[in-house]
Amino acid sequence: MAKVAVSNTLSNVSQLLSNNGYDVIPFQQVIPQEKCDAVILSGESENMMGIMDIEMDCPVINAEGMTAEEVLEQLQNRIPQQ
């Protein structure tokens, strides 16, 4: 099961991903040593959290302006579901 960290402001995305078999964790609870398969952020949290300065060893999807279904599609295109 792929582990995806999702911004707390994206509850609709979290719910859809959970329903589609992803292990969803809140982005704010991710610790640097924790391995995630992807990170999904809203545009505002991306800048507020300084994510541009953090090196992520996984795909980072900016969900700003996207529906939950579009985010799911982007995720499916970037990582294979395990």
PDB file of N, CA and C in Angstrom:
ATOM      1  N   MET A   1       0.856  -1.178   0.000  1.00  0.00           N
ATOM      2  CA  MET A   1       0.000   0.000   0.000  1.00  0.00           C
ATOM      3  C   MET A   1       0.900   1.239   0.000  1.00  0.00           C
ATOM      4  N   ALA A   2       0.674   2.122  -0.925  1.00  0.00           N
ATOM      5  CA  ALA A   2       1.472   3.344  -1.027  1.00  0.00           C
ATOM      6  C   ALA A   2       1.101   4.308   0.091  1.00  0.00           C
ATOM      7  N   LYS A   3       2.119   4.904   0.735  1.00  0.00           N
ATOM      8  CA  LYS A   3       1.910   5.875   1.808  1.00  0.00           C
ATOM      9  C   LYS A   3       1.999   7.268   1.212  1.00  0.00           C
ATOM     10  N   VAL A   4       0.930   8.054   1.410  1.00  0.00           N
ATOM     11  CA  VAL A   4       0.845   9.395   0.838  1.00  0.00           C
ATOM     12  C   VAL A   4       0.576  10.402   1.953  1.00  0.00           C
ATOM     13  N   ALA A   5       1.427  11.413   2.049  1.00  0.00           N
ATOM     14  CA  ALA A   5       1.225  12.500   3.011  1.00  0.00           C
ATOM     15  C   ALA A   5       0.395  13.582   2.336  1.00  0.00           C
ATOM     16  N   VAL A   6      -0.696  13.993   2.996  1.00  0.00           N
ATOM     17  CA  VAL A   6      -1.624  14.956   2.397  1.00  0.00           C
ATOM     18  C   VAL A   6      -1.838  16.118   3.371  1.00  0.00           C
ATOM     19  N   SER A   7      -1.814  17.320   2.833  1.00  0.00           N
ATOM     20  CA  SER A   7      -2.084  18.521   3.626  1.00  0.00           C
ATOM     21  C   SER A   7      -3.440  18.406   4.315  1.00  0.00           C
ATOM     22  N   ASN A   8      -3.522  18.872   5.558  1.00  0.00           N
ATOM     23  CA  ASN A   8      -4.777  18.806   6.319  1.00  0.00           C
ATOM     24  C   ASN A   8      -5.917  19.548   5.652  1.00  0.00           C
ATOM     25  N   THR A   9      -5.622  20.523   4.809  1.00  0.00           N
ATOM     26  CA  THR A   9      -6.677  21.299   4.158  1.00  0.00           C
ATOM     27  C   THR A   9      -7.342  20.545   3.004  1.00  0.00           C
ATOM     28  N   LEU A  10      -6.833  19.369   2.681  1.00  0.00           N
ATOM     29  CA  LEU A  10      -7.338  18.608   1.539  1.00  0.00           C
ATOM     30  C   LEU A  10      -8.067  17.353   1.996  1.00  0.00           C
ATOM     31  N   SER A  11      -9.057  17.518   2.866  1.00  0.00           N
ATOM     32  CA  SER A  11      -9.763  16.358   3.426  1.00  0.00           C
ATOM     33  C   SER A  11     -10.490  15.550   2.350  1.00  0.00           C
ATOM     34  N   ASN A  12     -11.013  16.226   1.331  1.00  0.00           N
ATOM     35  CA  ASN A  12     -11.689  15.496   0.253  1.00  0.00           C
ATOM     36  C   ASN A  12     -10.704  14.617  -0.516  1.00  0.00           C
ATOM     37  N   VAL A  13      -9.482  15.085  -0.697  1.00  0.00           N
ATOM     38  CA  VAL A  13      -8.444  14.299  -1.373  1.00  0.00           C
ATOM     39  C   VAL A  13      -8.051  13.116  -0.490  1.00  0.00           C
ATOM     40  N   SER A  14      -7.862  13.372   0.796  1.00  0.00           N
ATOM     41  CA  SER A  14      -7.509  12.299   1.741  1.00  0.00           C
ATOM     42  C   SER A  14      -8.544  11.188   1.707  1.00  0.00           C
ATOM     43  N   GLN A  15      -9.814  11.566   1.737  1.00  0.00           N
ATOM     44  CA  GLN A  15     -10.891  10.567   1.736  1.00  0.00           C
ATOM     45  C   GLN A  15     -10.887   9.749   0.453  1.00  0.00           C
ATOM     46  N   LEU A  16     -10.748  10.411  -0.695  1.00  0.00           N
ATOM     47  CA  LEU A  16     -10.738   9.704  -1.976  1.00  0.00           C
ATOM     48  C   LEU A  16      -9.551   8.750  -2.069  1.00  0.00           C
ATOM     49  N   LEU A  17      -8.381   9.200  -1.631  1.00  0.00           N
ATOM     50  CA  LEU A  17      -7.202   8.335  -1.684  1.00  0.00           C
ATOM     51  C   LEU A  17      -7.363   7.126  -0.763  1.00  0.00           C
ATOM     52  N   SER A  18      -7.885   7.352   0.439  1.00  0.00           N
ATOM     53  CA  SER A  18      -8.139   6.237   1.370  1.00  0.00           C
ATOM     54  C   SER A  18      -9.101   5.230   0.746  1.00  0.00           C
ATOM     55  N   ASN A  19     -10.151   5.736   0.115  1.00  0.00           N
ATOM     56  CA  ASN A  19     -11.133   4.858  -0.531  1.00  0.00           C
ATOM     57  C   ASN A  19     -10.540   4.077  -1.697  1.00  0.00           C
ATOM     58  N   ASN A  20      -9.417   4.569  -2.239  1.00  0.00           N
ATOM     59  CA  ASN A  20      -8.774   3.911  -3.371  1.00  0.00           C
ATOM     60  C   ASN A  20      -7.534   3.117  -2.956  1.00  0.00           C
ATOM     61  N   GLY A  21      -7.410   2.826  -1.659  1.00  0.00           N
ATOM     62  CA  GLY A  21      -6.368   1.915  -1.201  1.00  0.00           C
ATOM     63  C   GLY A  21      -5.041   2.531  -0.826  1.00  0.00           C
ATOM     64  N   TYR A  22      -4.969   3.843  -0.696  1.00  0.00           N
ATOM     65  CA  TYR A  22      -3.723   4.499  -0.292  1.00  0.00           C
ATOM     66  C   TYR A  22      -3.699   4.666   1.231  1.00  0.00           C
ATOM     67  N   ASP A  23      -2.517   4.552   1.815  1.00  0.00           N
ATOM     68  CA  ASP A  23      -2.313   4.812   3.232  1.00  0.00           C
ATOM     69  C   ASP A  23      -2.061   6.306   3.370  1.00  0.00           C
ATOM     70  N   VAL A  24      -3.050   7.052   3.851  1.00  0.00           N
ATOM     71  CA  VAL A  24      -2.972   8.509   3.920  1.00  0.00           C
ATOM     72  C   VAL A  24      -2.575   8.936   5.327  1.00  0.00           C
ATOM     73  N   ILE A  25      -1.552   9.800   5.390  1.00  0.00           N
ATOM     74  CA  ILE A  25      -1.136  10.375   6.665  1.00  0.00           C
ATOM     75  C   ILE A  25      -1.117  11.898   6.520  1.00  0.00           C
ATOM     76  N   PRO A  26      -1.380  12.625   7.602  1.00  0.00           N
ATOM     77  CA  PRO A  26      -1.324  14.091   7.529  1.00  0.00           C
ATOM     78  C   PRO A  26       0.101  14.572   7.277  1.00  0.00           C
ATOM     79  N   PHE A  27       0.256  15.498   6.334  1.00  0.00           N
ATOM     80  CA  PHE A  27       1.583  16.011   6.004  1.00  0.00           C
ATOM     81  C   PHE A  27       2.262  16.621   7.222  1.00  0.00           C
ATOM     82  N   GLN A  28       1.504  17.283   8.072  1.00  0.00           N
ATOM     83  CA  GLN A  28       2.076  17.959   9.226  1.00  0.00           C
ATOM     84  C   GLN A  28       2.677  16.976  10.221  1.00  0.00           C
ATOM     85  N   GLN A  29       2.336  15.689  10.113  1.00  0.00           N
ATOM     86  CA  GLN A  29       2.867  14.687  11.029  1.00  0.00           C
ATOM     87  C   GLN A  29       4.059  13.930  10.458  1.00  0.00           C
ATOM     88  N   VAL A  30       4.443  14.239   9.233  1.00  0.00           N
ATOM     89  CA  VAL A  30       5.573  13.549   8.616  1.00  0.00           C
ATOM     90  C   VAL A  30       6.864  14.017   9.272  1.00  0.00           C
ATOM     91  N   ILE A  31       7.669  13.061   9.653  1.00  0.00           N
ATOM     92  CA  ILE A  31       8.980  13.387  10.204  1.00  0.00           C
ATOM     93  C   ILE A  31      10.014  13.162   9.118  1.00  0.00           C
ATOM     94  N   PRO A  32      11.126  13.877   9.156  1.00  0.00           N
ATOM     95  CA  PRO A  32      12.101  13.798   8.065  1.00  0.00           C
ATOM     96  C   PRO A  32      12.562  12.379   7.717  1.00  0.00           C
ATOM     97  N   GLN A  33      12.655  11.510   8.690  1.00  0.00           N
ATOM     98  CA  GLN A  33      13.141  10.158   8.430  1.00  0.00           C
ATOM     99  C   GLN A  33      12.071   9.243   7.834  1.00  0.00           C
ATOM    100  N   GLU A  34      10.815   9.679   7.897  1.00  0.00           N
ATOM    101  CA  GLU A  34       9.715   8.842   7.440  1.00  0.00           C
ATOM    102  C   GLU A  34       9.666   8.799   5.921  1.00  0.00           C
ATOM    103  N   LYS A  35       9.504   7.615   5.385  1.00  0.00           N
ATOM    104  CA  LYS A  35       9.456   7.425   3.936  1.00  0.00           C
ATOM    105  C   LYS A  35       8.012   7.492   3.458  1.00  0.00           C
ATOM    106  N   CYS A  36       7.753   8.406   2.551  1.00  0.00           N
ATOM    107  CA  CYS A  36       6.447   8.500   1.904  1.00  0.00           C
ATOM    108  C   CYS A  36       6.644   8.217   0.425  1.00  0.00           C
ATOM    109  N   ASP A  37       5.609   7.715  -0.203  1.00  0.00           N
ATOM    110  CA  ASP A  37       5.666   7.464  -1.641  1.00  0.00           C
ATOM    111  C   ASP A  37       5.296   8.704  -2.445  1.00  0.00           C
ATOM    112  N   ALA A  38       4.561   9.626  -1.814  1.00  0.00           N
ATOM    113  CA  ALA A  38       4.182  10.882  -2.466  1.00  0.00           C
ATOM    114  C   ALA A  38       3.703  11.860  -1.408  1.00  0.00           C
ATOM    115  N   VAL A  39       3.730  13.142  -1.761  1.00  0.00           N
ATOM    116  CA  VAL A  39       3.238  14.214  -0.899  1.00  0.00           C
ATOM    117  C   VAL A  39       2.281  15.053  -1.732  1.00  0.00           C
ATOM    118  N   ILE A  40       1.112  15.364  -1.146  1.00  0.00           N
ATOM    119  CA  ILE A  40       0.135  16.189  -1.835  1.00  0.00           C
ATOM    120  C   ILE A  40      -0.149  17.406  -0.964  1.00  0.00           C
ATOM    121  N   LEU A  41       0.071  18.577  -1.538  1.00  0.00           N
ATOM    122  CA  LEU A  41      -0.079  19.830  -0.808  1.00  0.00           C
ATOM    123  C   LEU A  41      -1.021  20.771  -1.538  1.00  0.00           C
ATOM    124  N   SER A  42      -1.669  21.626  -0.758  1.00  0.00           N
ATOM    125  CA  SER A  42      -2.420  22.715  -1.376  1.00  0.00           C
ATOM    126  C   SER A  42      -1.395  23.794  -1.689  1.00  0.00           C
ATOM    127  N   GLY A  43      -1.666  24.662  -2.612  1.00  0.00           N
ATOM    128  CA  GLY A  43      -0.710  25.704  -2.976  1.00  0.00           C
ATOM    129  C   GLY A  43      -0.319  26.573  -1.802  1.00  0.00           C
ATOM    130  N   GLU A  44      -1.291  26.900  -0.941  1.00  0.00           N
ATOM    131  CA  GLU A  44      -0.986  27.765   0.200  1.00  0.00           C
ATOM    132  C   GLU A  44      -0.100  27.064   1.217  1.00  0.00           C
ATOM    133  N   SER A  45      -0.318  25.778   1.471  1.00  0.00           N
ATOM    134  CA  SER A  45       0.523  25.077   2.446  1.00  0.00           C
ATOM    135  C   SER A  45       1.925  24.864   1.897  1.00  0.00           C
ATOM    136  N   GLU A  46       2.039  24.785   0.583  1.00  0.00           N
ATOM    137  CA  GLU A  46       3.354  24.595  -0.029  1.00  0.00           C
ATOM    138  C   GLU A  46       4.279  25.757   0.314  1.00  0.00           C
ATOM    139  N   ASN A  47       3.765  26.967   0.215  1.00  0.00           N
ATOM    140  CA  ASN A  47       4.585  28.131   0.526  1.00  0.00           C
ATOM    141  C   ASN A  47       4.713  28.352   2.028  1.00  0.00           C
ATOM    142  N   MET A  48       3.622  28.156   2.745  1.00  0.00           N
ATOM    143  CA  MET A  48       3.625  28.380   4.177  1.00  0.00           C
ATOM    144  C   MET A  48       4.594  27.444   4.899  1.00  0.00           C
ATOM    145  N   MET A  49       4.670  26.210   4.467  1.00  0.00           N
ATOM    146  CA  MET A  49       5.512  25.223   5.132  1.00  0.00           C
ATOM    147  C   MET A  49       6.950  25.296   4.628  1.00  0.00           C
ATOM    148  N   GLY A  50       7.210  26.100   3.616  1.00  0.00           N
ATOM    149  CA  GLY A  50       8.562  26.195   3.083  1.00  0.00           C
ATOM    150  C   GLY A  50       8.994  24.932   2.357  1.00  0.00           C
ATOM    151  N   ILE A  51       8.040  24.242   1.766  1.00  0.00           N
ATOM    152  CA  ILE A  51       8.328  22.949   1.133  1.00  0.00           C
ATOM    153  C   ILE A  51       9.335  23.085  -0.001  1.00  0.00           C
ATOM    154  N   MET A  52       9.411  24.259  -0.607  1.00  0.00           N
ATOM    155  CA  MET A  52      10.369  24.430  -1.693  1.00  0.00           C
ATOM    156  C   MET A  52      11.803  24.283  -1.195  1.00  0.00           C
ATOM    157  N   ASP A  53      12.015  24.492   0.098  1.00  0.00           N
ATOM    158  CA  ASP A  53      13.352  24.372   0.655  1.00  0.00           C
ATOM    159  C   ASP A  53      13.660  22.979   1.191  1.00  0.00           C
ATOM    160  N   ILE A  54      12.662  22.108   1.206  1.00  0.00           N
ATOM    161  CA  ILE A  54      12.847  20.762   1.725  1.00  0.00           C
ATOM    162  C   ILE A  54      13.046  19.804   0.562  1.00  0.00           C
ATOM    163  N   GLU A  55      14.062  18.975   0.651  1.00  0.00           N
ATOM    164  CA  GLU A  55      14.272  17.982  -0.386  1.00  0.00           C
ATOM    165  C   GLU A  55      13.399  16.783  -0.086  1.00  0.00           C
ATOM    166  N   MET A  56      12.555  16.433  -1.027  1.00  0.00           N
ATOM    167  CA  MET A  56      11.679  15.286  -0.866  1.00  0.00           C
ATOM    168  C   MET A  56      12.176  14.193  -1.801  1.00  0.00           C
ATOM    169  N   ASP A  57      12.228  12.988  -1.283  1.00  0.00           N
ATOM    170  CA  ASP A  57      12.674  11.860  -2.081  1.00  0.00           C
ATOM    171  C   ASP A  57      11.462  11.116  -2.651  1.00  0.00           C
ATOM    172  N   CYS A  58      10.455  11.889  -3.065  1.00  0.00           N
ATOM    173  CA  CYS A  58       9.244  11.324  -3.628  1.00  0.00           C
ATOM    174  C   CYS A  58       8.536  12.418  -4.422  1.00  0.00           C
ATOM    175  N   PRO A  59       7.561  12.041  -5.244  1.00  0.00           N
ATOM    176  CA  PRO A  59       6.824  13.063  -5.987  1.00  0.00           C
ATOM    177  C   PRO A  59       6.043  13.986  -5.059  1.00  0.00           C
ATOM    178  N   VAL A  60       6.046  15.277  -5.376  1.00  0.00           N
ATOM    179  CA  VAL A  60       5.258  16.268  -4.648  1.00  0.00           C
ATOM    180  C   VAL A  60       4.237  16.834  -5.626  1.00  0.00           C
ATOM    181  N   ILE A  61       2.959  16.706  -5.279  1.00  0.00           N
ATOM    182  CA  ILE A  61       1.880  17.163  -6.151  1.00  0.00           C
ATOM    183  C   ILE A  61       1.243  18.398  -5.519  1.00  0.00           C
ATOM    184  N   ASN A  62       1.196  19.479  -6.287  1.00  0.00           N
ATOM    185  CA  ASN A  62       0.525  20.698  -5.853  1.00  0.00           C
ATOM    186  C   ASN A  62      -0.925  20.593  -6.316  1.00  0.00           C
ATOM    187  N   ALA A  63      -1.848  20.448  -5.369  1.00  0.00           N
ATOM    188  CA  ALA A  63      -3.261  20.216  -5.685  1.00  0.00           C
ATOM    189  C   ALA A  63      -4.053  21.487  -5.932  1.00  0.00           C
ATOM    190  N   GLU A  64      -3.392  22.633  -5.913  1.00  0.00           N
ATOM    191  CA  GLU A  64      -4.101  23.900  -6.097  1.00  0.00           C
ATOM    192  C   GLU A  64      -4.855  23.908  -7.427  1.00  0.00           C
ATOM    193  N   GLY A  65      -6.157  24.190  -7.358  1.00  0.00           N
ATOM    194  CA  GLY A  65      -6.983  24.281  -8.558  1.00  0.00           C
ATOM    195  C   GLY A  65      -7.403  22.945  -9.138  1.00  0.00           C
ATOM    196  N   MET A  66      -7.110  21.844  -8.456  1.00  0.00           N
ATOM    197  CA  MET A  66      -7.450  20.512  -8.963  1.00  0.00           C
ATOM    198  C   MET A  66      -8.587  19.910  -8.137  1.00  0.00           C
ATOM    199  N   THR A  67      -9.381  19.065  -8.786  1.00  0.00           N
ATOM    200  CA  THR A  67     -10.385  18.306  -8.048  1.00  0.00           C
ATOM    201  C   THR A  67      -9.692  17.114  -7.399  1.00  0.00           C
ATOM    202  N   ALA A  68     -10.372  16.478  -6.462  1.00  0.00           N
ATOM    203  CA  ALA A  68      -9.812  15.285  -5.812  1.00  0.00           C
ATOM    204  C   ALA A  68      -9.537  14.193  -6.849  1.00  0.00           C
ATOM    205  N   GLU A  69     -10.407  14.065  -7.823  1.00  0.00           N
ATOM    206  CA  GLU A  69     -10.229  13.056  -8.873  1.00  0.00           C
ATOM    207  C   GLU A  69      -8.994  13.348  -9.724  1.00  0.00           C
ATOM    208  N   GLU A  70      -8.751  14.624 -10.004  1.00  0.00           N
ATOM    209  CA  GLU A  70      -7.556  14.996 -10.778  1.00  0.00           C
ATOM    210  C   GLU A  70      -6.285  14.710  -9.979  1.00  0.00           C
ATOM    211  N   VAL A  71      -6.338  14.932  -8.669  1.00  0.00           N
ATOM    212  CA  VAL A  71      -5.183  14.627  -7.825  1.00  0.00           C
ATOM    213  C   VAL A  71      -4.919  13.124  -7.838  1.00  0.00           C
ATOM    214  N   LEU A  72      -5.978  12.331  -7.709  1.00  0.00           N
ATOM    215  CA  LEU A  72      -5.836  10.873  -7.763  1.00  0.00           C
ATOM    216  C   LEU A  72      -5.211  10.438  -9.088  1.00  0.00           C
ATOM    217  N   GLU A  73      -5.661  11.018 -10.185  1.00  0.00           N
ATOM    218  CA  GLU A  73      -5.110  10.680 -11.502  1.00  0.00           C
ATOM    219  C   GLU A  73      -3.620  11.028 -11.578  1.00  0.00           C
ATOM    220  N   GLN A  74      -3.244  12.216 -11.074  1.00  0.00           N
ATOM    221  CA  GLN A  74      -1.838  12.611 -11.061  1.00  0.00           C
ATOM    222  C   GLN A  74      -1.014  11.622 -10.231  1.00  0.00           C
ATOM    223  N   LEU A  75      -1.548  11.228  -9.099  1.00  0.00           N
ATOM    224  CA  LEU A  75      -0.853  10.290  -8.228  1.00  0.00           C
ATOM    225  C   LEU A  75      -0.673   8.939  -8.911  1.00  0.00           C
ATOM    226  N   GLN A  76      -1.704   8.453  -9.539  1.00  0.00           N
ATOM    227  CA  GLN A  76      -1.634   7.175 -10.237  1.00  0.00           C
ATOM    228  C   GLN A  76      -0.635   7.209 -11.384  1.00  0.00           C
ATOM    229  N   ASN A  77      -0.473   8.372 -12.013  1.00  0.00           N
ATOM    230  CA  ASN A  77       0.498   8.513 -13.091  1.00  0.00           C
ATOM    231  C   ASN A  77       1.932   8.578 -12.585  1.00  0.00           C
ATOM    232  N   ARG A  78       2.126   9.014 -11.344  1.00  0.00           N
ATOM    233  CA  ARG A  78       3.476   9.209 -10.804  1.00  0.00           C
ATOM    234  C   ARG A  78       4.014   8.042 -10.000  1.00  0.00           C
ATOM    235  N   ILE A  79       3.130   7.338  -9.323  1.00  0.00           N
ATOM    236  CA  ILE A  79       3.597   6.176  -8.551  1.00  0.00           C
ATOM    237  C   ILE A  79       2.670   4.994  -8.809  1.00  0.00           C
ATOM    238  N   PRO A  80       3.235   3.816  -8.924  1.00  0.00           N
ATOM    239  CA  PRO A  80       2.379   2.635  -9.080  1.00  0.00           C
ATOM    240  C   PRO A  80       1.749   2.308  -7.723  1.00  0.00           C
ATOM    241  N   GLN A  81       0.496   1.906  -7.738  1.00  0.00           N
ATOM    242  CA  GLN A  81      -0.156   1.520  -6.489  1.00  0.00           C
ATOM    243  C   GLN A  81       0.410   0.169  -6.069  1.00  0.00           C
ATOM    244  N   GLN A  82       0.807   0.066  -4.825  1.00  0.00           N
ATOM    245  CA  GLN A  82       1.484  -1.147  -4.354  1.00  0.00           C
ATOM    246  C   GLN A  82       0.506  -2.088  -3.694  1.00  0.00           C
TER     247      GLN A  82
END
